[in-house]
Amino acid sequence: MAESHQPDDCSIQRTLDAIGDRWTLLILRDLFRGVRRFSMIQTDLGIARNLLADRLISLADEGVVKKVPYQDRPPRHEYHLTAKGRALSPALVALMRWGDDYYTDGGAPTELVHDECQTRLELQSWCTSCNSPVDPTHIRSAPGAGRVLSVTETEDV
């Protein structure tokens, strides 16, 4: 039987609350591609200026990006991914690969390659004990150290 969780006890829900809308994910995609200036992101995505400003403020508040000035008059900034933002790379790559598999006709529109040797990158879950790849059908959930207990649950002592 599946264990029930409170919304605050789910890292996926907390992540979606922070970065889970379409525009935010596309902004992150642009930042990973090196598009860092407001006007360039706005042009590339065709997003309304007010929506872009709102999403960038939210990403900065979450610590995913930082504003870096590049011009004084008028003041202008670039948006750089922080370590927290760069840590989102595997999640975006996983979404991209899923889209490649299920929403393209015969091939990925973009390949991700290692910049030094141009080899295609793979994304795979690995078991640190067995040192082997793990198929998604063999992944299970277990309570973690950051689990939030509900009022009705008690911890074994």
C-alpha atoms as a PDB file:
ATOM      1  CA  MET A   1       0.000   0.000   0.000  1.00  0.00           C
ATOM      2  CA  ALA A   2       1.337   3.443  -0.887  1.00  0.00           C
ATOM      3  CA  GLU A   3       2.194   5.709   1.999  1.00  0.00           C
ATOM      4  CA  SER A   4       0.246   8.971   2.107  1.00  0.00           C
ATOM      5  CA  HIS A   5       2.158  12.205   2.357  1.00  0.00           C
ATOM      6  CA  GLN A   6       1.271  15.695   3.306  1.00  0.00           C
ATOM      7  CA  PRO A   7       2.014  18.304   0.577  1.00  0.00           C
ATOM      8  CA  ASP A   8       4.841  19.717   2.731  1.00  0.00           C
ATOM      9  CA  ASP A   9       6.378  16.233   2.872  1.00  0.00           C
ATOM     10  CA  CYS A  10       7.010  16.026  -0.867  1.00  0.00           C
ATOM     11  CA  SER A  11      10.146  17.384  -2.489  1.00  0.00           C
ATOM     12  CA  ILE A  12       8.505  17.219  -5.915  1.00  0.00           C
ATOM     13  CA  GLN A  13       5.686  19.508  -4.721  1.00  0.00           C
ATOM     14  CA  ARG A  14       8.123  21.954  -3.109  1.00  0.00           C
ATOM     15  CA  THR A  15      10.199  22.004  -6.304  1.00  0.00           C
ATOM     16  CA  LEU A  16       7.144  22.618  -8.471  1.00  0.00           C
ATOM     17  CA  ASP A  17       6.127  25.457  -6.160  1.00  0.00           C
ATOM     18  CA  ALA A  18       9.521  27.076  -6.815  1.00  0.00           C
ATOM     19  CA  ILE A  19      10.133  26.384 -10.514  1.00  0.00           C
ATOM     20  CA  GLY A  20       7.223  24.387 -11.886  1.00  0.00           C
ATOM     21  CA  ASP A  21       5.556  26.637 -14.421  1.00  0.00           C
ATOM     22  CA  ARG A  22       6.185  26.586 -18.172  1.00  0.00           C
ATOM     23  CA  TRP A  23       7.848  30.000 -18.410  1.00  0.00           C
ATOM     24  CA  THR A  24      10.222  29.373 -15.523  1.00  0.00           C
ATOM     25  CA  LEU A  25      11.440  26.129 -17.079  1.00  0.00           C
ATOM     26  CA  LEU A  26      11.978  27.828 -20.438  1.00  0.00           C
ATOM     27  CA  ILE A  27      13.844  30.704 -18.758  1.00  0.00           C
ATOM     28  CA  LEU A  28      16.080  28.142 -17.058  1.00  0.00           C
ATOM     29  CA  ARG A  29      16.657  26.448 -20.424  1.00  0.00           C
ATOM     30  CA  ASP A  30      17.804  29.792 -21.859  1.00  0.00           C
ATOM     31  CA  LEU A  31      20.087  30.476 -18.899  1.00  0.00           C
ATOM     32  CA  PHE A  32      21.717  27.052 -19.328  1.00  0.00           C
ATOM     33  CA  ARG A  33      22.247  27.897 -23.014  1.00  0.00           C
ATOM     34  CA  GLY A  34      24.024  31.136 -22.062  1.00  0.00           C
ATOM     35  CA  VAL A  35      21.170  33.567 -22.774  1.00  0.00           C
ATOM     36  CA  ARG A  36      21.486  35.826 -19.717  1.00  0.00           C
ATOM     37  CA  ARG A  37      20.222  39.311 -20.556  1.00  0.00           C
ATOM     38  CA  PHE A  38      16.600  40.276 -19.982  1.00  0.00           C
ATOM     39  CA  SER A  39      16.060  41.567 -23.523  1.00  0.00           C
ATOM     40  CA  MET A  40      17.651  38.487 -25.086  1.00  0.00           C
ATOM     41  CA  ILE A  41      15.564  36.095 -22.962  1.00  0.00           C
ATOM     42  CA  GLN A  42      12.429  38.102 -23.758  1.00  0.00           C
ATOM     43  CA  THR A  43      13.137  38.028 -27.501  1.00  0.00           C
ATOM     44  CA  ASP A  44      14.109  34.351 -27.516  1.00  0.00           C
ATOM     45  CA  LEU A  45      11.000  33.199 -25.649  1.00  0.00           C
ATOM     46  CA  GLY A  46       8.479  35.770 -26.837  1.00  0.00           C
ATOM     47  CA  ILE A  47       7.377  36.159 -23.222  1.00  0.00           C
ATOM     48  CA  ALA A  48       5.676  39.332 -21.991  1.00  0.00           C
ATOM     49  CA  ARG A  49       8.089  41.631 -20.165  1.00  0.00           C
ATOM     50  CA  ASN A  50       6.009  41.655 -16.972  1.00  0.00           C
ATOM     51  CA  LEU A  51       5.902  37.833 -16.859  1.00  0.00           C
ATOM     52  CA  LEU A  52       9.638  37.583 -17.454  1.00  0.00           C
ATOM     53  CA  ALA A  53      10.366  40.155 -14.750  1.00  0.00           C
ATOM     54  CA  ASP A  54       8.105  38.302 -12.318  1.00  0.00           C
ATOM     55  CA  ARG A  55       9.737  34.916 -13.031  1.00  0.00           C
ATOM     56  CA  LEU A  56      13.280  36.302 -12.752  1.00  0.00           C
ATOM     57  CA  ILE A  57      12.449  37.963  -9.420  1.00  0.00           C
ATOM     58  CA  SER A  58      11.027  34.665  -8.180  1.00  0.00           C
ATOM     59  CA  LEU A  59      14.113  32.743  -9.339  1.00  0.00           C
ATOM     60  CA  ALA A  60      16.357  35.274  -7.598  1.00  0.00           C
ATOM     61  CA  ASP A  61      14.261  35.090  -4.409  1.00  0.00           C
ATOM     62  CA  GLU A  62      14.594  31.285  -4.501  1.00  0.00           C
ATOM     63  CA  GLY A  63      18.388  31.598  -4.881  1.00  0.00           C
ATOM     64  CA  VAL A  64      18.346  29.893  -8.300  1.00  0.00           C
ATOM     65  CA  VAL A  65      19.749  32.939 -10.142  1.00  0.00           C
ATOM     66  CA  LYS A  66      21.655  36.048  -9.163  1.00  0.00           C
ATOM     67  CA  LYS A  67      21.548  39.439 -10.838  1.00  0.00           C
ATOM     68  CA  VAL A  68      24.929  40.590 -12.098  1.00  0.00           C
ATOM     69  CA  PRO A  69      25.234  44.208 -13.300  1.00  0.00           C
ATOM     70  CA  TYR A  70      26.812  44.711 -16.706  1.00  0.00           C
ATOM     71  CA  GLN A  71      25.918  48.377 -17.332  1.00  0.00           C
ATOM     72  CA  ASP A  72      25.501  51.404 -15.057  1.00  0.00           C
ATOM     73  CA  ARG A  73      23.567  53.912 -17.187  1.00  0.00           C
ATOM     74  CA  PRO A  74      20.903  52.823 -17.445  1.00  0.00           C
ATOM     75  CA  PRO A  75      21.334  50.022 -14.918  1.00  0.00           C
ATOM     76  CA  ARG A  76      21.197  46.642 -16.637  1.00  0.00           C
ATOM     77  CA  HIS A  77      21.763  43.131 -15.319  1.00  0.00           C
ATOM     78  CA  GLU A  78      22.498  39.663 -16.519  1.00  0.00           C
ATOM     79  CA  TYR A  79      21.018  36.656 -14.775  1.00  0.00           C
ATOM     80  CA  HIS A  80      23.482  33.950 -13.798  1.00  0.00           C
ATOM     81  CA  LEU A  81      22.632  30.525 -12.430  1.00  0.00           C
ATOM     82  CA  THR A  82      23.804  29.934  -8.876  1.00  0.00           C
ATOM     83  CA  ALA A  83      25.028  26.536  -7.674  1.00  0.00           C
ATOM     84  CA  LYS A  84      21.401  25.835  -6.706  1.00  0.00           C
ATOM     85  CA  GLY A  85      20.336  26.736 -10.244  1.00  0.00           C
ATOM     86  CA  ARG A  86      23.067  24.683 -11.917  1.00  0.00           C
ATOM     87  CA  ALA A  87      21.963  21.699  -9.817  1.00  0.00           C
ATOM     88  CA  LEU A  88      18.698  21.729 -11.826  1.00  0.00           C
ATOM     89  CA  SER A  89      20.541  20.562 -14.950  1.00  0.00           C
ATOM     90  CA  PRO A  90      19.774  16.834 -14.542  1.00  0.00           C
ATOM     91  CA  ALA A  91      16.065  17.583 -14.073  1.00  0.00           C
ATOM     92  CA  LEU A  92      15.923  19.678 -17.243  1.00  0.00           C
ATOM     93  CA  VAL A  93      17.909  17.063 -19.164  1.00  0.00           C
ATOM     94  CA  ALA A  94      15.466  14.379 -17.966  1.00  0.00           C
ATOM     95  CA  LEU A  95      12.497  16.459 -19.189  1.00  0.00           C
ATOM     96  CA  MET A  96      14.266  17.024 -22.497  1.00  0.00           C
ATOM     97  CA  ARG A  97      15.030  13.312 -22.980  1.00  0.00           C
ATOM     98  CA  TRP A  98      11.409  12.411 -22.149  1.00  0.00           C
ATOM     99  CA  GLY A  99      10.213  14.912 -24.736  1.00  0.00           C
ATOM    100  CA  ASP A 100      12.712  13.528 -27.244  1.00  0.00           C
ATOM    101  CA  ASP A 101      11.303  10.022 -26.697  1.00  0.00           C
ATOM    102  CA  TYR A 102       7.611  10.867 -26.755  1.00  0.00           C
ATOM    103  CA  TYR A 103       7.106  14.123 -28.661  1.00  0.00           C
ATOM    104  CA  THR A 104       9.440  14.004 -31.653  1.00  0.00           C
ATOM    105  CA  ASP A 105       9.185  12.161 -34.931  1.00  0.00           C
ATOM    106  CA  GLY A 106      12.357  10.172 -35.244  1.00  0.00           C
ATOM    107  CA  GLY A 107      15.020  12.136 -33.466  1.00  0.00           C
ATOM    108  CA  ALA A 108      15.982  14.698 -30.891  1.00  0.00           C
ATOM    109  CA  PRO A 109      15.909  18.295 -32.152  1.00  0.00           C
ATOM    110  CA  THR A 110      18.925  19.058 -29.948  1.00  0.00           C
ATOM    111  CA  GLU A 111      21.716  16.784 -28.754  1.00  0.00           C
ATOM    112  CA  LEU A 112      23.601  17.433 -25.544  1.00  0.00           C
ATOM    113  CA  VAL A 113      27.314  16.706 -25.878  1.00  0.00           C
ATOM    114  CA  HIS A 114      30.408  17.008 -23.726  1.00  0.00           C
ATOM    115  CA  ASP A 115      32.103  20.254 -24.799  1.00  0.00           C
ATOM    116  CA  GLU A 116      35.593  18.738 -24.666  1.00  0.00           C
ATOM    117  CA  CYS A 117      35.083  15.602 -26.797  1.00  0.00           C
ATOM    118  CA  GLN A 118      31.640  16.132 -28.413  1.00  0.00           C
ATOM    119  CA  THR A 119      30.325  12.770 -27.085  1.00  0.00           C
ATOM    120  CA  ARG A 120      26.548  12.535 -26.540  1.00  0.00           C
ATOM    121  CA  LEU A 121      25.601  12.719 -22.857  1.00  0.00           C
ATOM    122  CA  GLU A 122      23.409  10.150 -21.128  1.00  0.00           C
ATOM    123  CA  LEU A 123      21.292  10.509 -18.018  1.00  0.00           C
ATOM    124  CA  GLN A 124      20.895   7.440 -15.817  1.00  0.00           C
ATOM    125  CA  SER A 125      20.112   6.632 -12.176  1.00  0.00           C
ATOM    126  CA  TRP A 126      22.897   4.637 -10.508  1.00  0.00           C
ATOM    127  CA  CYS A 127      23.004   2.583  -7.327  1.00  0.00           C
ATOM    128  CA  THR A 128      25.964   3.732  -5.253  1.00  0.00           C
ATOM    129  CA  SER A 129      26.231   0.342  -3.535  1.00  0.00           C
ATOM    130  CA  CYS A 130      26.039  -1.941  -6.601  1.00  0.00           C
ATOM    131  CA  ASN A 131      27.647   0.645  -8.908  1.00  0.00           C
ATOM    132  CA  SER A 132      25.162  -0.239 -11.639  1.00  0.00           C
ATOM    133  CA  PRO A 133      22.348   1.496 -13.534  1.00  0.00           C
ATOM    134  CA  VAL A 134      18.854   1.232 -12.029  1.00  0.00           C
ATOM    135  CA  ASP A 135      15.747   0.910 -14.191  1.00  0.00           C
ATOM    136  CA  PRO A 136      12.887   3.196 -13.079  1.00  0.00           C
ATOM    137  CA  THR A 137      10.766   0.118 -12.304  1.00  0.00           C
ATOM    138  CA  HIS A 138      13.272  -0.779  -9.574  1.00  0.00           C
ATOM    139  CA  ILE A 139      13.192   2.546  -7.740  1.00  0.00           C
ATOM    140  CA  ARG A 140      11.230   2.666  -4.465  1.00  0.00           C
ATOM    141  CA  SER A 141      10.520   5.356  -1.892  1.00  0.00           C
ATOM    142  CA  ALA A 142      11.723   5.174   1.696  1.00  0.00           C
ATOM    143  CA  PRO A 143      11.437   7.727   4.506  1.00  0.00           C
ATOM    144  CA  GLY A 144      14.311  10.180   4.391  1.00  0.00           C
ATOM    145  CA  ALA A 145      16.078  12.289   6.985  1.00  0.00           C
ATOM    146  CA  GLY A 146      14.106  15.384   5.977  1.00  0.00           C
ATOM    147  CA  ARG A 147      10.685  13.761   6.332  1.00  0.00           C
ATOM    148  CA  VAL A 148       8.056  15.926   7.988  1.00  0.00           C
ATOM    149  CA  LEU A 149       5.877  13.902  10.351  1.00  0.00           C
ATOM    150  CA  SER A 150       2.189  14.723  10.489  1.00  0.00           C
ATOM    151  CA  VAL A 151       0.400  15.311  13.785  1.00  0.00           C
ATOM    152  CA  THR A 152      -1.183  11.835  13.591  1.00  0.00           C
ATOM    153  CA  GLU A 153       2.142  10.031  13.069  1.00  0.00           C
ATOM    154  CA  THR A 154       4.507   9.104  15.847  1.00  0.00           C
ATOM    155  CA  GLU A 155       8.148   8.289  15.568  1.00  0.00           C
ATOM    156  CA  ASP A 156       9.433   4.978  16.930  1.00  0.00           C
ATOM    157  CA  VAL A 157      11.778   5.634  19.825  1.00  0.00           C
END
